Amino acid sequence: MGTKIILGVDDLIEAAEAEIETISVKQALALHGDADVAFIDLRDTRELDREGRIPGAVHIPRGMMEFRIDPRSPSHHEIFASDKRFVFFCAGGVRSALAAQTAKRMGLDPVCHVAGGYGAWKRAGGAVDLPEYAPGEYEAAPRAARAPAEAA
């Protein structure tokens, strides 16, 4: 007999979004570069290697976030001891909603997440540091040396 799921992912996301601040990509773009704001990239390392990064964002994989926030944890990250505003993002804005809710419940404040995540950021023309090599390439020319159409 299988386990009966009584609370689905959509329910969890809906509850999280009711508790946290969600900002638009336009608002996130306006905050980027502000010294009082920390962008927290929750994506997996493979996603960063494949898709690139928002310049200046701190990479805190979702699976380690609670440990990185907790000042008593040996894995604590100093960014979370600062008085910054924390802007969480993932690929599409789902993991970051759940993460922002958890961070807020842990006492991190102010915290918000970006609707649409990194995908929305890229579509809006936000600054991106592309990986040095495209997925599957190891000794090809760096992306900076390619024609713009090839680098996109």
N, C-alpha and C. Protein backbone atom coordinates (compact mmCIF):
# COMPACT_ATOMS: atom_id res chain seq x y z
N MET A 1 0.84 -1.18 0.00
CA MET A 1 0.00 0.00 0.00
C MET A 1 0.89 1.24 0.00
N GLY A 2 0.65 2.16 -0.91
CA GLY A 2 1.45 3.36 -1.04
C GLY A 2 1.08 4.43 -0.03
N THR A 3 1.98 5.38 0.13
CA THR A 3 1.73 6.49 1.02
C THR A 3 0.75 7.46 0.36
N LYS A 4 -0.20 7.92 1.12
CA LYS A 4 -1.17 8.89 0.60
C LYS A 4 -0.63 10.29 0.84
N ILE A 5 -0.40 11.02 -0.23
CA ILE A 5 0.07 12.41 -0.13
C ILE A 5 -1.15 13.28 0.17
N ILE A 6 -1.06 14.03 1.26
CA ILE A 6 -2.20 14.86 1.61
C ILE A 6 -1.95 16.35 1.36
N LEU A 7 -0.70 16.71 1.13
CA LEU A 7 -0.34 18.09 0.86
C LEU A 7 0.62 18.08 -0.33
N GLY A 8 0.15 18.57 -1.46
CA GLY A 8 0.96 18.54 -2.66
C GLY A 8 1.89 19.74 -2.79
N VAL A 9 2.76 19.66 -3.77
CA VAL A 9 3.73 20.73 -4.03
C VAL A 9 3.04 22.06 -4.30
N ASP A 10 1.99 22.03 -5.10
CA ASP A 10 1.27 23.28 -5.39
C ASP A 10 0.73 23.92 -4.11
N ASP A 11 0.27 23.08 -3.18
CA ASP A 11 -0.22 23.60 -1.89
C ASP A 11 0.92 24.24 -1.10
N LEU A 12 2.07 23.60 -1.10
CA LEU A 12 3.23 24.13 -0.39
C LEU A 12 3.67 25.47 -0.98
N ILE A 13 3.70 25.55 -2.29
CA ILE A 13 4.11 26.79 -2.96
C ILE A 13 3.12 27.91 -2.68
N GLU A 14 1.84 27.59 -2.75
CA GLU A 14 0.80 28.58 -2.47
C GLU A 14 0.94 29.12 -1.04
N ALA A 15 1.16 28.23 -0.09
CA ALA A 15 1.34 28.64 1.30
C ALA A 15 2.58 29.50 1.47
N ALA A 16 3.66 29.11 0.81
CA ALA A 16 4.90 29.89 0.90
C ALA A 16 4.69 31.29 0.35
N GLU A 17 4.08 31.39 -0.81
CA GLU A 17 3.89 32.70 -1.44
C GLU A 17 2.95 33.59 -0.64
N ALA A 18 2.11 33.00 0.20
CA ALA A 18 1.25 33.80 1.07
C ALA A 18 2.03 34.39 2.24
N GLU A 19 3.16 33.79 2.58
CA GLU A 19 3.96 34.23 3.73
C GLU A 19 5.13 35.13 3.36
N ILE A 20 5.57 35.09 2.13
CA ILE A 20 6.80 35.78 1.76
C ILE A 20 6.55 36.89 0.75
N GLU A 21 7.55 37.71 0.54
CA GLU A 21 7.49 38.74 -0.49
C GLU A 21 8.02 38.16 -1.79
N THR A 22 7.25 38.32 -2.84
CA THR A 22 7.68 37.94 -4.19
C THR A 22 7.90 39.22 -4.96
N ILE A 23 9.09 39.34 -5.56
CA ILE A 23 9.37 40.54 -6.36
C ILE A 23 9.43 40.16 -7.84
N SER A 24 9.12 41.10 -8.68
CA SER A 24 9.18 40.89 -10.12
C SER A 24 10.63 40.93 -10.57
N VAL A 25 10.87 40.43 -11.76
CA VAL A 25 12.23 40.49 -12.30
C VAL A 25 12.63 41.95 -12.51
N LYS A 26 11.68 42.81 -12.84
CA LYS A 26 11.98 44.24 -13.00
C LYS A 26 12.48 44.83 -11.67
N GLN A 27 11.83 44.46 -10.57
CA GLN A 27 12.29 44.92 -9.26
C GLN A 27 13.67 44.34 -8.93
N ALA A 28 13.88 43.07 -9.26
CA ALA A 28 15.18 42.43 -9.01
C ALA A 28 16.28 43.13 -9.80
N LEU A 29 16.01 43.45 -11.04
CA LEU A 29 17.00 44.15 -11.87
C LEU A 29 17.39 45.49 -11.23
N ALA A 30 16.40 46.18 -10.67
CA ALA A 30 16.66 47.47 -10.02
C ALA A 30 17.50 47.31 -8.75
N LEU A 31 17.37 46.18 -8.08
CA LEU A 31 18.13 45.94 -6.84
C LEU A 31 19.55 45.45 -7.09
N HIS A 32 19.78 44.87 -8.27
CA HIS A 32 21.09 44.29 -8.56
C HIS A 32 22.18 45.36 -8.49
N GLY A 33 23.24 45.05 -7.77
CA GLY A 33 24.35 45.99 -7.62
C GLY A 33 24.25 46.84 -6.37
N ASP A 34 23.11 46.81 -5.68
CA ASP A 34 22.94 47.56 -4.43
C ASP A 34 23.76 46.85 -3.35
N ALA A 35 24.62 47.58 -2.70
CA ALA A 35 25.51 46.99 -1.68
C ALA A 35 24.74 46.45 -0.48
N ASP A 36 23.51 46.87 -0.30
CA ASP A 36 22.70 46.42 0.83
C ASP A 36 21.82 45.22 0.48
N VAL A 37 22.04 44.65 -0.69
CA VAL A 37 21.23 43.52 -1.17
C VAL A 37 22.15 42.37 -1.53
N ALA A 38 21.77 41.16 -1.10
CA ALA A 38 22.52 39.95 -1.47
C ALA A 38 21.61 39.05 -2.29
N PHE A 39 22.03 38.75 -3.50
CA PHE A 39 21.31 37.79 -4.35
C PHE A 39 21.83 36.40 -3.99
N ILE A 40 20.92 35.50 -3.69
CA ILE A 40 21.26 34.14 -3.28
C ILE A 40 20.77 33.17 -4.34
N ASP A 41 21.72 32.52 -5.01
CA ASP A 41 21.43 31.58 -6.10
C ASP A 41 21.32 30.17 -5.51
N LEU A 42 20.12 29.62 -5.55
CA LEU A 42 19.83 28.32 -4.94
C LEU A 42 20.00 27.15 -5.90
N ARG A 43 20.35 27.43 -7.13
CA ARG A 43 20.41 26.36 -8.13
C ARG A 43 21.57 25.40 -7.87
N ASP A 44 21.42 24.23 -8.41
CA ASP A 44 22.44 23.19 -8.35
C ASP A 44 23.66 23.63 -9.15
N THR A 45 24.83 23.16 -8.76
CA THR A 45 26.06 23.50 -9.46
C THR A 45 25.99 23.19 -10.95
N ARG A 46 25.35 22.08 -11.29
CA ARG A 46 25.22 21.73 -12.72
C ARG A 46 24.41 22.76 -13.48
N GLU A 47 23.42 23.35 -12.84
CA GLU A 47 22.63 24.40 -13.49
C GLU A 47 23.48 25.64 -13.74
N LEU A 48 24.31 26.00 -12.78
CA LEU A 48 25.19 27.14 -12.95
C LEU A 48 26.18 26.89 -14.07
N ASP A 49 26.75 25.69 -14.10
CA ASP A 49 27.72 25.34 -15.13
C ASP A 49 27.09 25.35 -16.52
N ARG A 50 25.83 25.00 -16.59
CA ARG A 50 25.13 24.93 -17.87
C ARG A 50 24.58 26.28 -18.32
N GLU A 51 23.99 27.04 -17.37
CA GLU A 51 23.24 28.24 -17.73
C GLU A 51 23.93 29.57 -17.42
N GLY A 52 24.92 29.54 -16.54
CA GLY A 52 25.56 30.78 -16.16
C GLY A 52 25.06 31.28 -14.81
N ARG A 53 25.52 32.48 -14.46
CA ARG A 53 25.23 33.04 -13.13
C ARG A 53 24.89 34.52 -13.22
N ILE A 54 24.20 34.99 -12.21
CA ILE A 54 24.01 36.44 -12.07
C ILE A 54 25.27 36.97 -11.40
N PRO A 55 25.94 37.95 -12.00
CA PRO A 55 27.17 38.48 -11.40
C PRO A 55 26.93 38.95 -9.97
N GLY A 56 27.84 38.54 -9.09
CA GLY A 56 27.77 38.96 -7.70
C GLY A 56 26.88 38.12 -6.81
N ALA A 57 26.09 37.22 -7.40
CA ALA A 57 25.21 36.37 -6.58
C ALA A 57 26.04 35.37 -5.80
N VAL A 58 25.57 35.05 -4.60
CA VAL A 58 26.22 34.07 -3.75
C VAL A 58 25.53 32.73 -3.99
N HIS A 59 26.33 31.72 -4.33
CA HIS A 59 25.76 30.40 -4.60
C HIS A 59 25.61 29.63 -3.29
N ILE A 60 24.36 29.35 -2.94
CA ILE A 60 24.02 28.54 -1.77
C ILE A 60 23.05 27.47 -2.27
N PRO A 61 23.54 26.27 -2.59
CA PRO A 61 22.63 25.24 -3.11
C PRO A 61 21.46 25.00 -2.15
N ARG A 62 20.28 24.81 -2.71
CA ARG A 62 19.06 24.66 -1.91
C ARG A 62 19.21 23.59 -0.83
N GLY A 63 19.86 22.52 -1.12
CA GLY A 63 20.01 21.44 -0.16
C GLY A 63 20.87 21.78 1.04
N MET A 64 21.62 22.86 0.97
CA MET A 64 22.50 23.26 2.08
C MET A 64 22.04 24.56 2.75
N MET A 65 20.97 25.16 2.25
CA MET A 65 20.59 26.49 2.68
C MET A 65 20.41 26.62 4.19
N GLU A 66 19.65 25.74 4.81
CA GLU A 66 19.40 25.84 6.24
C GLU A 66 20.70 25.81 7.04
N PHE A 67 21.62 24.96 6.63
CA PHE A 67 22.91 24.86 7.31
C PHE A 67 23.75 26.11 7.12
N ARG A 68 23.64 26.73 5.96
CA ARG A 68 24.41 27.93 5.65
C ARG A 68 23.84 29.15 6.39
N ILE A 69 22.52 29.15 6.65
CA ILE A 69 21.89 30.26 7.37
C ILE A 69 22.16 30.18 8.87
N ASP A 70 22.10 29.00 9.43
CA ASP A 70 22.21 28.80 10.89
C ASP A 70 23.59 29.19 11.40
N PRO A 71 23.68 30.23 12.25
CA PRO A 71 24.99 30.66 12.74
C PRO A 71 25.66 29.63 13.65
N ARG A 72 24.93 28.65 14.16
CA ARG A 72 25.51 27.61 15.01
C ARG A 72 26.05 26.44 14.20
N SER A 73 25.76 26.43 12.91
CA SER A 73 26.19 25.33 12.06
C SER A 73 27.65 25.52 11.63
N PRO A 74 28.42 24.43 11.58
CA PRO A 74 29.79 24.55 11.06
C PRO A 74 29.82 24.94 9.58
N SER A 75 28.68 24.82 8.91
CA SER A 75 28.60 25.20 7.50
C SER A 75 28.05 26.60 7.28
N HIS A 76 27.88 27.37 8.35
CA HIS A 76 27.33 28.73 8.27
C HIS A 76 28.11 29.58 7.25
N HIS A 77 27.38 30.36 6.47
CA HIS A 77 28.00 31.28 5.51
C HIS A 77 27.87 32.70 6.06
N GLU A 78 28.96 33.42 6.06
CA GLU A 78 29.00 34.76 6.65
C GLU A 78 28.03 35.75 6.02
N ILE A 79 27.62 35.53 4.79
CA ILE A 79 26.67 36.46 4.16
C ILE A 79 25.41 36.58 4.99
N PHE A 80 25.02 35.49 5.64
CA PHE A 80 23.77 35.49 6.40
C PHE A 80 23.91 36.16 7.77
N ALA A 81 25.11 36.56 8.14
CA ALA A 81 25.32 37.33 9.37
C ALA A 81 25.28 38.83 9.09
N SER A 82 25.06 39.20 7.85
CA SER A 82 25.04 40.61 7.46
C SER A 82 23.62 41.17 7.60
N ASP A 83 23.53 42.49 7.50
CA ASP A 83 22.24 43.17 7.59
C ASP A 83 21.66 43.47 6.21
N LYS A 84 21.95 42.62 5.25
CA LYS A 84 21.49 42.84 3.89
C LYS A 84 20.04 42.38 3.70
N ARG A 85 19.46 42.81 2.60
CA ARG A 85 18.19 42.27 2.14
C ARG A 85 18.55 41.07 1.28
N PHE A 86 17.89 39.95 1.48
CA PHE A 86 18.22 38.72 0.78
C PHE A 86 17.20 38.44 -0.33
N VAL A 87 17.72 38.33 -1.55
CA VAL A 87 16.89 38.05 -2.72
C VAL A 87 17.23 36.65 -3.21
N PHE A 88 16.33 35.72 -2.95
CA PHE A 88 16.54 34.33 -3.35
C PHE A 88 16.04 34.11 -4.76
N PHE A 89 16.75 33.27 -5.51
CA PHE A 89 16.26 32.88 -6.83
C PHE A 89 16.74 31.48 -7.17
N CYS A 90 15.98 30.84 -8.03
CA CYS A 90 16.32 29.52 -8.56
C CYS A 90 16.10 29.60 -10.07
N ALA A 91 15.89 28.51 -10.72
CA ALA A 91 15.71 28.53 -12.17
C ALA A 91 14.39 29.17 -12.58
N GLY A 92 13.30 28.81 -11.88
CA GLY A 92 11.99 29.28 -12.31
C GLY A 92 11.13 29.92 -11.24
N GLY A 93 11.62 30.05 -10.02
CA GLY A 93 10.87 30.73 -8.98
C GLY A 93 10.07 29.83 -8.05
N VAL A 94 10.23 28.52 -8.18
CA VAL A 94 9.49 27.60 -7.31
C VAL A 94 10.31 27.24 -6.08
N ARG A 95 11.51 26.72 -6.29
CA ARG A 95 12.37 26.38 -5.15
C ARG A 95 12.67 27.61 -4.30
N SER A 96 12.81 28.76 -4.96
CA SER A 96 13.13 29.97 -4.20
C SER A 96 11.97 30.43 -3.33
N ALA A 97 10.73 30.17 -3.73
CA ALA A 97 9.59 30.51 -2.88
C ALA A 97 9.63 29.68 -1.61
N LEU A 98 9.85 28.38 -1.76
CA LEU A 98 9.93 27.50 -0.59
C LEU A 98 11.14 27.85 0.28
N ALA A 99 12.25 28.18 -0.35
CA ALA A 99 13.47 28.53 0.39
C ALA A 99 13.29 29.84 1.15
N ALA A 100 12.67 30.82 0.52
CA ALA A 100 12.46 32.11 1.19
C ALA A 100 11.55 31.93 2.40
N GLN A 101 10.53 31.08 2.27
CA GLN A 101 9.65 30.80 3.39
C GLN A 101 10.44 30.18 4.55
N THR A 102 11.27 29.20 4.25
CA THR A 102 12.07 28.54 5.29
C THR A 102 13.04 29.53 5.92
N ALA A 103 13.71 30.33 5.11
CA ALA A 103 14.66 31.32 5.63
C ALA A 103 13.96 32.31 6.55
N LYS A 104 12.79 32.75 6.16
CA LYS A 104 12.02 33.68 6.98
C LYS A 104 11.63 33.02 8.30
N ARG A 105 11.20 31.77 8.25
CA ARG A 105 10.83 31.04 9.47
C ARG A 105 12.03 30.85 10.39
N MET A 106 13.24 30.78 9.79
CA MET A 106 14.46 30.65 10.59
C MET A 106 14.87 31.97 11.23
N GLY A 107 14.24 33.07 10.81
CA GLY A 107 14.54 34.38 11.37
C GLY A 107 15.29 35.31 10.44
N LEU A 108 15.61 34.87 9.24
CA LEU A 108 16.30 35.74 8.29
C LEU A 108 15.31 36.78 7.78
N ASP A 109 15.72 38.04 7.82
CA ASP A 109 14.82 39.11 7.42
C ASP A 109 15.64 40.36 7.11
N PRO A 110 15.33 41.08 6.07
CA PRO A 110 14.27 40.86 5.09
C PRO A 110 14.70 39.86 4.02
N VAL A 111 13.73 39.11 3.54
CA VAL A 111 13.96 38.10 2.52
C VAL A 111 12.81 38.13 1.52
N CYS A 112 13.15 37.87 0.27
CA CYS A 112 12.14 37.80 -0.79
C CYS A 112 12.64 36.83 -1.85
N HIS A 113 11.82 36.58 -2.86
CA HIS A 113 12.28 35.75 -3.97
C HIS A 113 11.79 36.35 -5.28
N VAL A 114 12.46 35.96 -6.36
CA VAL A 114 12.19 36.52 -7.68
C VAL A 114 11.21 35.63 -8.43
N ALA A 115 10.07 36.19 -8.80
CA ALA A 115 9.10 35.47 -9.62
C ALA A 115 9.74 35.13 -10.96
N GLY A 116 9.68 33.88 -11.35
CA GLY A 116 10.25 33.47 -12.63
C GLY A 116 11.72 33.13 -12.57
N GLY A 117 12.39 33.45 -11.47
CA GLY A 117 13.77 33.06 -11.24
C GLY A 117 14.76 33.51 -12.30
N TYR A 118 15.82 32.71 -12.43
CA TYR A 118 16.91 33.00 -13.36
C TYR A 118 16.44 33.04 -14.81
N GLY A 119 15.49 32.20 -15.13
CA GLY A 119 14.95 32.20 -16.50
C GLY A 119 14.34 33.55 -16.84
N ALA A 120 13.55 34.11 -15.94
CA ALA A 120 12.95 35.42 -16.16
C ALA A 120 14.03 36.50 -16.22
N TRP A 121 15.05 36.36 -15.37
CA TRP A 121 16.17 37.31 -15.36
C TRP A 121 16.83 37.35 -16.74
N LYS A 122 17.14 36.19 -17.28
CA LYS A 122 17.79 36.12 -18.60
C LYS A 122 16.89 36.69 -19.69
N ARG A 123 15.61 36.32 -19.67
CA ARG A 123 14.66 36.82 -20.70
C ARG A 123 14.52 38.33 -20.64
N ALA A 124 14.67 38.90 -19.44
CA ALA A 124 14.55 40.35 -19.27
C ALA A 124 15.84 41.09 -19.63
N GLY A 125 16.87 40.35 -19.98
CA GLY A 125 18.13 40.99 -20.36
C GLY A 125 19.05 41.31 -19.19
N GLY A 126 18.81 40.66 -18.05
CA GLY A 126 19.68 40.88 -16.88
C GLY A 126 21.10 40.41 -17.15
N ALA A 127 22.04 41.00 -16.44
CA ALA A 127 23.45 40.64 -16.59
C ALA A 127 23.65 39.17 -16.23
N VAL A 128 24.46 38.49 -17.03
CA VAL A 128 24.73 37.07 -16.84
C VAL A 128 26.20 36.80 -17.12
N ASP A 129 26.83 36.04 -16.23
CA ASP A 129 28.16 35.51 -16.48
C ASP A 129 27.97 34.11 -17.03
N LEU A 130 28.28 33.93 -18.31
CA LEU A 130 28.11 32.62 -18.94
C LEU A 130 29.25 31.70 -18.53
N PRO A 131 29.00 30.39 -18.55
CA PRO A 131 30.09 29.46 -18.25
C PRO A 131 31.19 29.60 -19.30
N GLU A 132 32.41 29.29 -18.90
CA GLU A 132 33.53 29.41 -19.81
C GLU A 132 33.35 28.54 -21.04
N TYR A 133 32.78 27.35 -20.85
CA TYR A 133 32.56 26.43 -21.95
C TYR A 133 31.10 26.03 -21.97
N ALA A 134 30.61 25.74 -23.15
CA ALA A 134 29.25 25.25 -23.28
C ALA A 134 29.19 23.82 -22.74
N PRO A 135 28.01 23.36 -22.32
CA PRO A 135 27.90 21.98 -21.83
C PRO A 135 28.49 20.99 -22.83
N GLY A 136 29.31 20.07 -22.33
CA GLY A 136 29.91 19.05 -23.19
C GLY A 136 31.24 19.47 -23.80
N GLU A 137 31.60 20.74 -23.70
CA GLU A 137 32.87 21.21 -24.24
C GLU A 137 33.91 21.23 -23.12
N TYR A 138 35.14 20.86 -23.46
CA TYR A 138 36.17 20.90 -22.44
C TYR A 138 37.42 21.60 -22.91
N GLU A 139 37.68 21.57 -24.20
CA GLU A 139 38.87 22.25 -24.69
C GLU A 139 38.54 23.13 -25.88
N ALA A 140 37.30 23.54 -25.98
CA ALA A 140 36.89 24.43 -27.05
C ALA A 140 37.29 25.86 -26.68
N ALA A 141 37.13 26.75 -27.63
CA ALA A 141 37.44 28.15 -27.36
C ALA A 141 36.50 28.70 -26.29
N PRO A 142 37.02 29.54 -25.40
CA PRO A 142 36.13 30.15 -24.41
C PRO A 142 35.00 30.91 -25.10
N ARG A 143 33.87 31.01 -24.45
CA ARG A 143 32.71 31.69 -25.03
C ARG A 143 33.01 33.12 -25.43
N ALA A 144 33.85 33.79 -24.68
CA ALA A 144 34.15 35.19 -24.98
C ALA A 144 34.80 35.32 -26.35
N ALA A 145 35.43 34.24 -26.84
CA ALA A 145 36.12 34.28 -28.13
C ALA A 145 35.20 33.93 -29.30
N ARG A 146 33.98 33.54 -29.04
CA ARG A 146 33.06 33.14 -30.09
C ARG A 146 32.24 34.33 -30.59
N ALA A 147 31.65 34.12 -31.72
CA ALA A 147 30.73 35.12 -32.26
C ALA A 147 29.52 35.23 -31.33
N PRO A 148 28.90 36.40 -31.21
CA PRO A 148 27.77 36.58 -30.29
C PRO A 148 26.65 35.55 -30.51
N ALA A 149 26.33 35.18 -31.72
CA ALA A 149 25.25 34.23 -31.96
C ALA A 149 25.60 32.85 -31.39
N GLU A 150 26.87 32.49 -31.43
CA GLU A 150 27.29 31.20 -30.90
C GLU A 150 27.31 31.21 -29.37
N ALA A 151 27.57 32.38 -28.78
CA ALA A 151 27.68 32.47 -27.34
C ALA A 151 26.31 32.50 -26.65
N ALA A 152 25.27 32.79 -27.39
CA ALA A 152 23.93 32.92 -26.79
C ALA A 152 23.30 31.63 -26.48
